[in-house]
Amino acid sequence: MTPGQPATPPAPAPAPASERGHGHHRATPWPEARALAARAGAGSAADRPPVRVPLGQALGRPLAEPLRALTDLPSFDSSAMDGWAVAGPGPWKVREESVLAGHSGAAALASGEAVRIATGARVPAGATAVVRTEHSRTGPVAGPVLLHPLREVVPGQDIRPRGQECRTGEELLPAGSLVGPAVLGLAAAAGYDEIAVPARPRVEVLVLGDELLTAGLPHEGLIRDALGPMLGPWLTALGAEVLATRRIGDDAEALYEAVTTSAAELVVTTGGTAAGPVDHVHRVLDKAGATLLVDGVKVRPGHPMLLARLDAGRHLVGLPGNPLAAVSGLLTLAAPLLAALTTRPSAPTPPGGTAPPSAPTPPGGTAPPSAPTAPSPPTAPAETAPPSAPTAPGEPLAAPLRDGVQGHPHDTRLVPVVHRDGLVVPLHYNGPAMLRGIAAADAMAVVPPGGAEPGRRVELLALPWPTEPQAATATPVSPPAPAQGACFT
């Protein structure tokens, strides 16, 4: 558990879907729901073997196993500078040949000899030092050319000895380290063409609803499908391999067939999680013999979301049909589950280095599966404190609010915010059916039950794409007295 982090709530015993009443969700507190989702993913992660991918496909993914050197680095004694390889004390008789990087080395040097050498070239046998070009002169014009040093020459100077950086088999980075551009360069230098990373979880999106259009303007009670275009890229940004986005409509049999035959490890549905006449998700889960792990969450928007175990290693996240409510479900259930599936624990701190992130926090702000996080406890108002980065793996981001946010009496609220001068400002368009706010947001703020006054530090859920913390936006921010604070669906 991360120091200073609340203990993870104990998991309630799950029940078969058939034992839950569809008219009344047994809503789970928001922190507990996220912890349950992370544990569900962690339980499946152990059975997922890593995959080896070309270096160019590993960017942004964690290492599934330690990165060990396949060769000494450098793999031979090499010159650190352009200049002269010399043997013994000077002056030295200059040989006419040159030693270039990538070419076969020169013949061994006898004491008193020098040969011109380029940076990175193999140092000839017998060489005792490299003298930089600017630290030497040659002469005379007639007779044998001699190399004279212009300053003291120390044995071994400007020679990179074989194995200076590492020896074959040495651990360079522990499992769990996030692969960035520098890691790719290190892996290539150490001899790798491919590296092992956790397999991307396979996800399928099932869009429900007869009222949805895929093109054109809304008309005659029909509306555009906003979730179909949004969820696939969002899930991809969370580390998933999206197999397909399929439109099922309000057909219970088609939904059952899609859920039970999907090759995905995670099925994500949109809509149909409440108790209306065409809300079929619960009945389909009953028929499929699924086990409900979360059936409703005490969060607004998005309280009808659910999480079910379909069978060994397969889960279903049911998102509400309203767009911002669906985003809430993604951040609450899908993101922690996917983070657990794509994260590996780290090895101990390598000698001579600081500890790398033990489980890189993925975009979306979810905690690693070994330490699912709850909202950080409130602190004293700090109106000028800047947004703080996590100080330990899994610790949530937090920042003080510029404006107060009206809360739900009993449930957590997730509200789109932007960064402004070290504070976060709630965006005005935060109703459950709205996307205008989240489209301009830098993060989602976690507002505790009862609301939050100006200056209170709140947890922030990062969004899985680059944001501009201080950029101007055309989306109005909320006034100090929230105009839409009563819309909690």
Protein backbone atom coordinates (compact mmCIF):
# COMPACT_ATOMS: atom_id res chain seq x y z
CA MET A 1 0.00 0.00 0.00
CA THR A 2 1.31 3.46 -0.87
CA PRO A 3 2.35 5.46 2.21
CA GLY A 4 -0.37 7.90 3.21
CA GLN A 5 -2.94 6.07 1.13
CA PRO A 6 -6.18 4.82 2.69
CA ALA A 7 -6.45 1.08 3.08
CA THR A 8 -8.18 -0.73 0.25
CA PRO A 9 -11.76 -1.56 1.23
CA PRO A 10 -12.46 -5.27 1.64
CA ALA A 11 -14.18 -6.85 -1.32
CA PRO A 12 -17.79 -7.90 -0.73
CA ALA A 13 -18.70 -11.39 -1.79
CA PRO A 14 -19.92 -11.28 -5.41
CA ALA A 15 -23.28 -12.73 -6.27
CA PRO A 16 -24.64 -14.34 -9.42
CA ALA A 17 -26.45 -11.87 -11.62
CA SER A 18 -29.70 -13.72 -11.03
CA GLU A 19 -29.57 -12.95 -7.31
CA ARG A 20 -29.53 -9.21 -7.79
CA GLY A 21 -32.72 -7.25 -8.17
CA HIS A 22 -32.77 -5.31 -11.42
CA GLY A 23 -34.98 -2.57 -10.07
CA HIS A 24 -32.66 -1.60 -7.21
CA HIS A 25 -28.90 -1.53 -7.69
CA ARG A 26 -26.80 -2.44 -4.67
CA ALA A 27 -24.64 0.58 -5.34
CA THR A 28 -20.96 0.27 -4.39
CA PRO A 29 -19.05 3.29 -3.06
CA TRP A 30 -16.90 4.82 -5.78
CA PRO A 31 -13.45 4.10 -4.24
CA GLU A 32 -14.47 0.51 -3.55
CA ALA A 33 -15.78 0.03 -7.09
CA ARG A 34 -12.43 1.10 -8.54
CA ALA A 35 -10.58 -1.20 -6.16
CA LEU A 36 -12.83 -4.11 -7.14
CA ALA A 37 -12.20 -3.44 -10.83
CA ALA A 38 -8.44 -3.35 -10.24
CA ARG A 39 -8.57 -6.63 -8.31
CA ALA A 40 -10.62 -8.24 -11.07
CA GLY A 41 -7.97 -7.28 -13.61
CA ALA A 42 -5.11 -8.35 -11.36
CA GLY A 43 -6.73 -11.75 -10.89
CA SER A 44 -6.72 -12.30 -14.64
CA ALA A 45 -3.30 -10.76 -15.33
CA ALA A 46 -1.36 -13.64 -13.77
CA ASP A 47 -2.64 -16.04 -16.44
CA ARG A 48 -1.75 -13.79 -19.38
CA PRO A 49 1.67 -14.60 -20.86
CA PRO A 50 3.70 -11.63 -22.12
CA VAL A 51 4.31 -11.07 -25.80
CA ARG A 52 7.50 -10.09 -27.61
CA VAL A 53 7.13 -7.12 -29.93
CA PRO A 54 9.55 -5.19 -32.16
CA LEU A 55 11.09 -2.21 -30.41
CA GLY A 56 9.01 0.24 -32.41
CA GLN A 57 5.79 -1.29 -31.05
CA ALA A 58 6.80 -1.20 -27.38
CA LEU A 59 6.67 2.55 -26.79
CA GLY A 60 4.50 3.48 -23.81
CA ARG A 61 4.11 -0.09 -22.56
CA PRO A 62 5.64 -1.57 -19.39
CA LEU A 63 8.37 -4.18 -19.49
CA ALA A 64 7.00 -7.63 -18.74
CA GLU A 65 10.39 -8.91 -17.61
CA PRO A 66 13.70 -7.35 -16.59
CA LEU A 67 15.77 -5.87 -19.39
CA ARG A 68 19.14 -7.63 -19.20
CA ALA A 69 22.15 -6.76 -21.33
CA LEU A 70 22.75 -9.22 -24.16
CA THR A 71 26.29 -7.88 -24.62
CA ASP A 72 28.90 -5.83 -22.83
CA LEU A 73 28.42 -2.07 -23.31
CA PRO A 74 30.62 -0.94 -24.94
CA SER A 75 31.30 -4.29 -26.56
CA PHE A 76 34.94 -3.33 -27.21
CA ASP A 77 37.42 -0.70 -26.07
CA SER A 78 36.55 2.40 -28.09
CA SER A 79 37.69 5.97 -28.49
CA ALA A 80 35.68 8.66 -26.74
CA MET A 81 37.12 11.44 -28.90
CA ASP A 82 38.54 12.22 -32.33
CA GLY A 83 42.31 12.26 -32.03
CA TRP A 84 45.20 9.83 -31.77
CA ALA A 85 45.51 6.40 -30.24
CA VAL A 86 48.96 6.27 -28.65
CA ALA A 87 51.08 3.59 -27.01
CA GLY A 88 53.43 4.39 -24.16
CA PRO A 89 55.01 7.78 -23.45
CA GLY A 90 55.39 10.42 -26.18
CA PRO A 91 56.38 11.80 -28.50
CA TRP A 92 55.03 9.14 -30.83
CA LYS A 93 55.85 8.14 -34.37
CA VAL A 94 52.70 8.60 -36.50
CA ARG A 95 51.55 5.70 -38.65
CA GLU A 96 49.90 6.68 -41.93
CA GLU A 97 46.69 4.67 -41.48
CA SER A 98 43.52 5.85 -39.70
CA VAL A 99 41.04 3.96 -37.53
CA LEU A 100 37.38 4.73 -38.30
CA ALA A 101 34.20 3.75 -36.48
CA GLY A 102 32.54 0.72 -38.01
CA HIS A 103 35.70 -0.45 -39.76
CA SER A 104 38.12 -3.18 -38.86
CA GLY A 105 40.67 -2.16 -36.26
CA ALA A 106 44.27 -1.22 -36.95
CA ALA A 107 47.20 -3.48 -36.24
CA ALA A 108 48.51 -3.45 -32.71
CA LEU A 109 50.52 -0.41 -31.69
CA ALA A 110 54.07 -0.75 -30.47
CA SER A 111 55.28 1.52 -27.70
CA GLY A 112 56.06 4.95 -29.13
CA GLU A 113 53.55 4.69 -32.01
CA ALA A 114 50.37 6.68 -32.72
CA VAL A 115 47.55 6.31 -35.21
CA ARG A 116 44.72 8.69 -36.05
CA ILE A 117 41.37 7.49 -34.59
CA ALA A 118 37.73 8.60 -34.83
CA THR A 119 35.15 8.76 -32.04
CA GLY A 120 33.60 5.33 -31.50
CA ALA A 121 36.32 3.43 -33.34
CA ARG A 122 37.89 0.31 -31.84
CA VAL A 123 41.08 1.16 -29.97
CA PRO A 124 44.04 -0.84 -31.38
CA ALA A 125 45.69 -3.40 -29.16
CA GLY A 126 48.63 -1.91 -27.30
CA ALA A 127 47.12 1.59 -27.10
CA THR A 128 47.41 3.17 -23.66
CA ALA A 129 45.49 6.42 -24.23
CA VAL A 130 43.71 8.62 -26.75
CA VAL A 131 45.03 12.15 -27.24
CA ARG A 132 42.49 14.64 -28.51
CA THR A 133 43.32 16.40 -31.75
CA GLU A 134 43.23 19.83 -30.09
CA HIS A 135 45.60 18.66 -27.36
CA SER A 136 48.39 17.66 -29.76
CA ARG A 137 50.58 18.84 -32.60
CA THR A 138 52.57 17.02 -35.29
CA GLY A 139 56.00 17.75 -36.75
CA PRO A 140 58.57 18.13 -38.13
CA VAL A 141 57.68 18.79 -41.76
CA ALA A 142 60.63 16.72 -43.00
CA GLY A 143 61.50 13.25 -41.79
CA PRO A 144 59.33 10.95 -39.68
CA VAL A 145 56.18 12.66 -38.45
CA LEU A 146 56.00 12.81 -34.67
CA LEU A 147 53.02 13.50 -32.46
CA HIS A 148 53.68 15.78 -29.50
CA PRO A 149 51.23 16.19 -26.58
CA LEU A 150 50.28 19.72 -25.50
CA ARG A 151 49.27 18.59 -22.00
CA GLU A 152 49.82 15.65 -19.70
CA VAL A 153 48.65 12.30 -21.03
CA VAL A 154 47.10 10.00 -18.41
CA PRO A 155 46.99 6.25 -19.13
CA GLY A 156 43.48 5.23 -20.19
CA GLN A 157 42.30 8.77 -20.94
CA ASP A 158 39.46 9.12 -23.47
CA ILE A 159 39.18 5.36 -23.87
CA ARG A 160 35.80 3.80 -23.17
CA PRO A 161 36.70 0.38 -21.80
CA ARG A 162 34.66 -2.66 -22.73
CA GLY A 163 31.82 -3.20 -20.22
CA GLN A 164 32.08 0.32 -18.78
CA GLU A 165 28.28 0.72 -18.79
CA CYS A 166 27.27 -2.89 -18.21
CA ARG A 167 28.30 -6.49 -18.54
CA THR A 168 26.46 -9.24 -20.37
CA GLY A 169 23.53 -10.48 -18.27
CA GLU A 170 23.41 -7.41 -16.02
CA GLU A 171 19.91 -6.09 -15.25
CA LEU A 172 19.46 -2.68 -16.85
CA LEU A 173 15.82 -2.06 -15.91
CA PRO A 174 13.36 -4.02 -13.79
CA ALA A 175 10.06 -5.44 -14.96
CA GLY A 176 7.30 -2.84 -14.84
CA SER A 177 9.48 0.00 -16.14
CA LEU A 178 7.63 2.11 -18.69
CA VAL A 179 9.17 1.96 -22.16
CA GLY A 180 10.02 5.45 -23.34
CA PRO A 181 12.26 6.54 -26.23
CA ALA A 182 15.40 6.28 -24.07
CA VAL A 183 14.47 2.71 -23.06
CA LEU A 184 14.12 1.80 -26.73
CA GLY A 185 17.59 3.20 -27.37
CA LEU A 186 19.05 1.31 -24.41
CA ALA A 187 17.40 -1.94 -25.53
CA ALA A 188 18.78 -1.55 -29.04
CA ALA A 189 22.27 -0.77 -27.74
CA ALA A 190 22.08 -3.83 -25.47
CA GLY A 191 21.32 -6.09 -28.45
CA TYR A 192 17.53 -6.38 -28.50
CA ASP A 193 15.38 -6.53 -31.62
CA GLU A 194 12.25 -7.35 -29.60
CA ILE A 195 11.30 -6.93 -25.95
CA ALA A 196 8.66 -8.59 -23.77
CA VAL A 197 5.63 -6.53 -22.77
CA PRO A 198 2.25 -7.48 -21.33
CA ALA A 199 -0.19 -8.44 -24.05
CA ARG A 200 -2.73 -5.75 -24.80
CA PRO A 201 -6.11 -6.79 -23.40
CA ARG A 202 -8.57 -7.61 -26.17
CA VAL A 203 -11.70 -5.48 -25.89
CA GLU A 204 -14.94 -5.44 -27.85
CA VAL A 205 -17.45 -2.58 -27.70
CA LEU A 206 -21.17 -3.32 -28.08
CA VAL A 207 -23.28 -0.21 -28.67
CA LEU A 208 -26.91 -0.69 -27.69
CA GLY A 209 -29.97 1.35 -28.60
CA ASP A 210 -32.40 1.51 -31.52
CA GLU A 211 -32.44 5.30 -31.33
CA LEU A 212 -28.85 5.77 -32.51
CA LEU A 213 -27.79 7.11 -35.90
CA THR A 214 -24.35 6.55 -37.38
CA ALA A 215 -24.52 9.45 -39.86
CA GLY A 216 -26.44 12.62 -40.58
CA LEU A 217 -28.38 14.97 -38.34
CA PRO A 218 -30.64 13.86 -35.48
CA HIS A 219 -34.30 13.70 -36.46
CA GLU A 220 -37.68 12.26 -35.40
CA GLY A 221 -36.51 11.07 -31.99
CA LEU A 222 -33.25 9.59 -33.32
CA ILE A 223 -29.90 10.85 -32.06
CA ARG A 224 -26.31 10.46 -33.21
CA ASP A 225 -24.24 7.73 -31.63
CA ALA A 226 -21.53 9.60 -29.72
CA LEU A 227 -20.14 6.60 -27.86
CA GLY A 228 -19.28 4.40 -30.83
CA PRO A 229 -16.71 6.85 -32.24
CA MET A 230 -15.40 7.73 -28.77
CA LEU A 231 -14.96 4.47 -26.89
CA GLY A 232 -12.66 2.60 -29.26
CA PRO A 233 -9.95 5.30 -29.35
CA TRP A 234 -10.34 5.90 -25.60
CA LEU A 235 -9.87 2.20 -24.81
CA THR A 236 -6.91 2.06 -27.19
CA ALA A 237 -5.35 4.97 -25.29
CA LEU A 238 -5.85 2.94 -22.09
CA GLY A 239 -3.71 0.16 -23.55
CA ALA A 240 -6.36 -2.13 -25.04
CA GLU A 241 -6.52 -3.84 -28.40
CA VAL A 242 -10.01 -3.02 -29.63
CA LEU A 243 -11.23 -5.93 -31.74
CA ALA A 244 -14.41 -4.24 -32.96
CA THR A 245 -17.15 -1.75 -32.21
CA ARG A 246 -20.48 -3.40 -33.01
CA ARG A 247 -23.97 -1.91 -32.98
CA ILE A 248 -26.49 -4.30 -31.47
CA GLY A 249 -29.56 -2.11 -31.00
CA ASP A 250 -32.14 -3.16 -28.42
CA ASP A 251 -32.11 -6.85 -29.34
CA ALA A 252 -31.69 -9.09 -26.28
CA GLU A 253 -30.92 -12.24 -28.29
CA ALA A 254 -28.33 -10.46 -30.41
CA LEU A 255 -26.77 -9.07 -27.25
CA TYR A 256 -26.60 -12.52 -25.64
CA GLU A 257 -25.00 -13.97 -28.77
CA ALA A 258 -22.45 -11.14 -28.93
CA VAL A 259 -21.52 -11.38 -25.24
CA THR A 260 -21.19 -15.16 -25.10
CA THR A 261 -19.26 -15.57 -28.35
CA SER A 262 -16.92 -12.58 -28.11
CA ALA A 263 -13.21 -13.37 -28.24
CA ALA A 264 -12.49 -10.32 -26.09
CA GLU A 265 -11.19 -10.45 -22.55
CA LEU A 266 -13.29 -7.38 -21.78
CA VAL A 267 -16.67 -6.66 -23.32
CA VAL A 268 -17.88 -3.07 -22.96
CA THR A 269 -21.57 -2.34 -23.47
CA THR A 270 -23.27 1.05 -23.69
CA GLY A 271 -26.73 1.60 -22.25
CA GLY A 272 -29.20 -1.01 -21.09
CA THR A 273 -27.88 -1.20 -17.51
CA ALA A 274 -30.93 0.29 -15.77
CA ALA A 275 -34.40 -1.28 -15.41
CA GLY A 276 -36.29 0.02 -18.45
CA PRO A 277 -38.31 -2.11 -20.86
CA VAL A 278 -35.39 -2.46 -23.30
CA ASP A 279 -32.59 -2.54 -20.72
CA HIS A 280 -31.45 -6.08 -21.40
CA VAL A 281 -27.96 -6.21 -19.90
CA HIS A 282 -28.93 -7.70 -16.52
CA ARG A 283 -31.15 -10.34 -18.11
CA VAL A 284 -28.43 -11.29 -20.58
CA LEU A 285 -25.92 -11.64 -17.74
CA ASP A 286 -28.41 -13.85 -15.86
CA LYS A 287 -28.80 -16.09 -18.86
CA ALA A 288 -25.06 -16.23 -19.45
CA GLY A 289 -24.38 -17.30 -15.86
CA ALA A 290 -22.26 -14.24 -15.16
CA THR A 291 -21.29 -13.05 -11.68
CA LEU A 292 -21.93 -9.43 -10.87
CA LEU A 293 -18.98 -7.83 -9.06
CA VAL A 294 -20.33 -4.28 -9.12
CA ASP A 295 -24.01 -3.50 -9.72
CA GLY A 296 -24.31 0.25 -9.58
CA VAL A 297 -21.82 2.74 -8.16
CA LYS A 298 -22.36 5.67 -5.83
CA VAL A 299 -21.09 8.18 -8.36
CA ARG A 300 -22.69 10.87 -10.51
CA PRO A 301 -22.95 10.83 -13.41
CA GLY A 302 -23.00 7.14 -14.22
CA HIS A 303 -24.46 5.37 -11.18
CA PRO A 304 -26.10 2.49 -13.21
CA MET A 305 -22.68 1.19 -14.38
CA LEU A 306 -21.79 -2.43 -13.65
CA LEU A 307 -18.94 -4.94 -13.73
CA ALA A 308 -19.48 -8.69 -14.23
CA ARG A 309 -17.25 -11.73 -14.51
CA LEU A 310 -18.36 -13.71 -17.56
CA ASP A 311 -16.02 -16.65 -17.08
CA ALA A 312 -12.37 -17.27 -16.24
CA GLY A 313 -10.34 -14.32 -17.50
CA ARG A 314 -13.30 -12.52 -19.13
CA HIS A 315 -15.26 -9.55 -17.83
CA LEU A 316 -17.99 -7.18 -18.94
CA VAL A 317 -18.23 -3.50 -18.08
CA GLY A 318 -21.69 -2.09 -18.61
CA LEU A 319 -21.62 1.66 -19.22
CA PRO A 320 -24.66 3.93 -18.98
CA GLY A 321 -25.95 5.26 -22.29
CA ASN A 322 -25.50 8.96 -21.52
CA PRO A 323 -22.12 10.09 -22.90
CA LEU A 324 -20.56 11.73 -19.83
CA ALA A 325 -22.02 8.98 -17.63
CA ALA A 326 -20.26 6.48 -19.90
CA VAL A 327 -16.98 8.38 -19.46
CA SER A 328 -17.51 8.12 -15.71
CA GLY A 329 -17.92 4.36 -16.11
CA LEU A 330 -14.75 4.13 -18.18
CA LEU A 331 -12.70 5.92 -15.54
CA THR A 332 -14.32 4.08 -12.63
CA LEU A 333 -14.36 0.47 -13.87
CA ALA A 334 -12.71 -0.04 -17.25
CA ALA A 335 -9.53 1.98 -16.66
CA PRO A 336 -8.51 0.27 -13.37
CA LEU A 337 -9.27 -3.16 -14.80
CA LEU A 338 -7.22 -2.53 -17.93
CA ALA A 339 -4.40 -1.00 -15.89
CA ALA A 340 -4.18 -4.18 -13.82
CA LEU A 341 -4.12 -6.34 -16.95
CA THR A 342 -1.27 -4.37 -18.52
CA THR A 343 0.97 -3.82 -15.51
CA ARG A 344 3.76 -5.96 -14.13
CA PRO A 345 5.32 -5.63 -10.64
CA SER A 346 8.81 -4.21 -10.49
CA ALA A 347 12.02 -5.77 -9.32
CA PRO A 348 14.07 -4.26 -6.46
CA THR A 349 15.89 -1.00 -7.00
CA PRO A 350 18.85 -1.56 -9.35
CA PRO A 351 22.32 -0.86 -7.94
CA GLY A 352 23.38 2.73 -8.46
CA GLY A 353 19.92 3.92 -9.43
CA THR A 354 16.70 5.18 -7.95
CA ALA A 355 13.65 3.00 -7.88
CA PRO A 356 11.66 3.13 -11.13
CA PRO A 357 7.87 3.27 -11.00
CA SER A 358 6.78 -0.10 -9.71
CA ALA A 359 3.64 0.03 -11.78
CA PRO A 360 3.39 2.91 -14.22
CA THR A 361 0.15 4.80 -13.82
CA PRO A 362 -1.50 4.66 -17.21
CA PRO A 363 -3.46 7.47 -18.82
CA GLY A 364 -6.80 7.64 -17.16
CA GLY A 365 -5.39 8.09 -13.68
CA THR A 366 -5.98 4.57 -12.41
CA ALA A 367 -3.85 2.99 -9.75
CA PRO A 368 -1.85 -0.20 -10.31
CA PRO A 369 -3.62 -3.41 -9.39
CA SER A 370 -1.46 -4.09 -6.36
CA ALA A 371 -2.58 -0.87 -4.73
CA PRO A 372 -5.95 0.39 -5.94
CA THR A 373 -6.49 3.87 -4.66
CA ALA A 374 -9.31 5.61 -2.93
CA PRO A 375 -9.77 9.37 -3.03
CA SER A 376 -7.15 11.15 -0.98
CA PRO A 377 -8.42 12.56 2.30
CA PRO A 378 -9.29 16.26 2.29
CA THR A 379 -6.62 18.68 3.31
CA ALA A 380 -6.72 22.23 4.46
CA PRO A 381 -7.57 24.78 1.74
CA ALA A 382 -4.55 25.88 -0.24
CA GLU A 383 -5.72 28.41 -2.78
CA THR A 384 -2.38 28.92 -4.47
CA ALA A 385 -0.95 25.41 -4.31
CA PRO A 386 -0.14 23.98 -7.76
CA PRO A 387 -1.48 20.64 -8.95
CA SER A 388 0.71 18.01 -7.37
CA ALA A 389 2.18 15.01 -9.14
CA PRO A 390 2.13 11.68 -7.36
CA THR A 391 5.01 11.31 -4.91
CA ALA A 392 4.83 7.51 -4.92
CA PRO A 393 3.56 4.89 -7.37
CA GLY A 394 -0.21 4.74 -7.34
CA GLU A 395 -0.65 7.96 -5.39
CA PRO A 396 -3.36 10.06 -7.05
CA LEU A 397 -2.93 13.47 -8.60
CA ALA A 398 -4.56 16.28 -6.63
CA ALA A 399 -5.11 20.02 -6.90
CA PRO A 400 -7.15 22.72 -5.14
CA LEU A 401 -10.41 23.94 -6.64
CA ARG A 402 -10.73 27.55 -7.71
CA ASP A 403 -14.52 27.42 -7.43
CA GLY A 404 -16.74 25.42 -5.17
CA VAL A 405 -18.61 22.43 -6.58
CA GLN A 406 -22.07 21.43 -5.42
CA GLY A 407 -22.08 17.80 -4.39
CA HIS A 408 -24.54 14.96 -4.33
CA PRO A 409 -25.78 14.26 -0.79
CA HIS A 410 -24.52 10.67 -0.79
CA ASP A 411 -22.50 10.01 -3.96
CA THR A 412 -19.14 11.01 -5.39
CA ARG A 413 -19.24 13.37 -8.36
CA LEU A 414 -16.83 13.35 -11.32
CA VAL A 415 -16.57 16.81 -12.86
CA PRO A 416 -14.53 17.94 -15.90
CA VAL A 417 -11.94 20.58 -14.96
CA VAL A 418 -9.19 22.67 -16.52
CA HIS A 419 -5.94 23.90 -14.93
CA ARG A 420 -5.70 27.63 -14.25
CA ASP A 421 -2.80 29.25 -12.35
CA GLY A 422 -2.15 26.30 -10.07
CA LEU A 423 -5.84 25.62 -9.47
CA VAL A 424 -8.46 23.55 -11.24
CA VAL A 425 -11.66 25.12 -12.49
CA PRO A 426 -14.88 23.12 -13.00
CA LEU A 427 -16.31 23.30 -16.49
CA HIS A 428 -19.88 24.39 -16.99
CA TYR A 429 -21.13 21.65 -19.34
CA ASN A 430 -21.03 18.68 -16.98
CA GLY A 431 -24.48 17.12 -17.30
CA PRO A 432 -24.65 13.34 -17.84
CA ALA A 433 -25.64 13.67 -21.52
CA MET A 434 -23.03 16.34 -22.32
CA LEU A 435 -19.57 15.98 -23.88
CA ARG A 436 -18.74 19.66 -24.36
CA GLY A 437 -17.09 19.91 -20.96
CA ILE A 438 -15.01 16.73 -21.11
CA ALA A 439 -13.91 17.58 -24.67
CA ALA A 440 -12.18 20.71 -23.32
CA ALA A 441 -11.07 19.23 -20.00
CA ASP A 442 -7.58 18.56 -18.66
CA ALA A 443 -8.82 16.05 -16.06
CA MET A 444 -11.84 14.83 -14.12
CA ALA A 445 -12.07 16.04 -10.53
CA VAL A 446 -13.31 13.66 -7.85
CA VAL A 447 -15.76 15.62 -5.68
CA PRO A 448 -16.71 13.87 -2.43
CA PRO A 449 -20.31 13.50 -1.24
CA GLY A 450 -21.62 16.82 -0.03
CA GLY A 451 -19.49 18.88 -2.43
CA ALA A 452 -16.25 20.81 -2.09
CA GLU A 453 -15.59 24.44 -1.20
CA PRO A 454 -13.10 26.70 -3.01
CA GLY A 455 -9.50 25.86 -2.14
CA ARG A 456 -10.16 22.25 -1.21
CA ARG A 457 -7.73 19.77 -2.77
CA VAL A 458 -9.50 17.12 -4.81
CA GLU A 459 -8.23 14.01 -6.53
CA LEU A 460 -7.79 14.31 -10.30
CA LEU A 461 -8.25 11.54 -12.85
CA ALA A 462 -5.92 12.12 -15.79
CA LEU A 463 -7.26 11.77 -19.31
CA PRO A 464 -5.46 9.38 -21.71
CA TRP A 465 -4.29 12.00 -24.17
CA PRO A 466 -2.02 15.08 -24.04
CA THR A 467 -3.61 18.15 -22.50
CA GLU A 468 -2.49 21.76 -22.31
CA PRO A 469 -2.69 22.69 -18.63
CA GLN A 470 -2.67 26.46 -19.15
CA ALA A 471 -4.26 26.68 -22.61
CA ALA A 472 -7.22 28.93 -23.15
CA THR A 473 -10.51 27.26 -23.95
CA ALA A 474 -13.73 28.42 -25.51
CA THR A 475 -15.71 26.27 -23.08
CA PRO A 476 -17.09 28.41 -20.24
CA VAL A 477 -16.00 27.50 -16.76
CA SER A 478 -18.48 27.19 -13.98
CA PRO A 479 -19.39 30.33 -12.07
CA PRO A 480 -18.79 30.27 -8.31
CA ALA A 481 -22.42 29.22 -7.82
CA PRO A 482 -22.74 26.18 -10.13
CA ALA A 483 -25.57 26.65 -12.59
CA GLN A 484 -26.07 22.95 -13.19
CA GLY A 485 -25.13 21.45 -9.86
CA ALA A 486 -28.47 19.72 -9.42
CA CYS A 487 -28.08 17.50 -12.48
CA PHE A 488 -26.71 14.31 -10.89
CA THR A 489 -28.04 11.49 -13.04
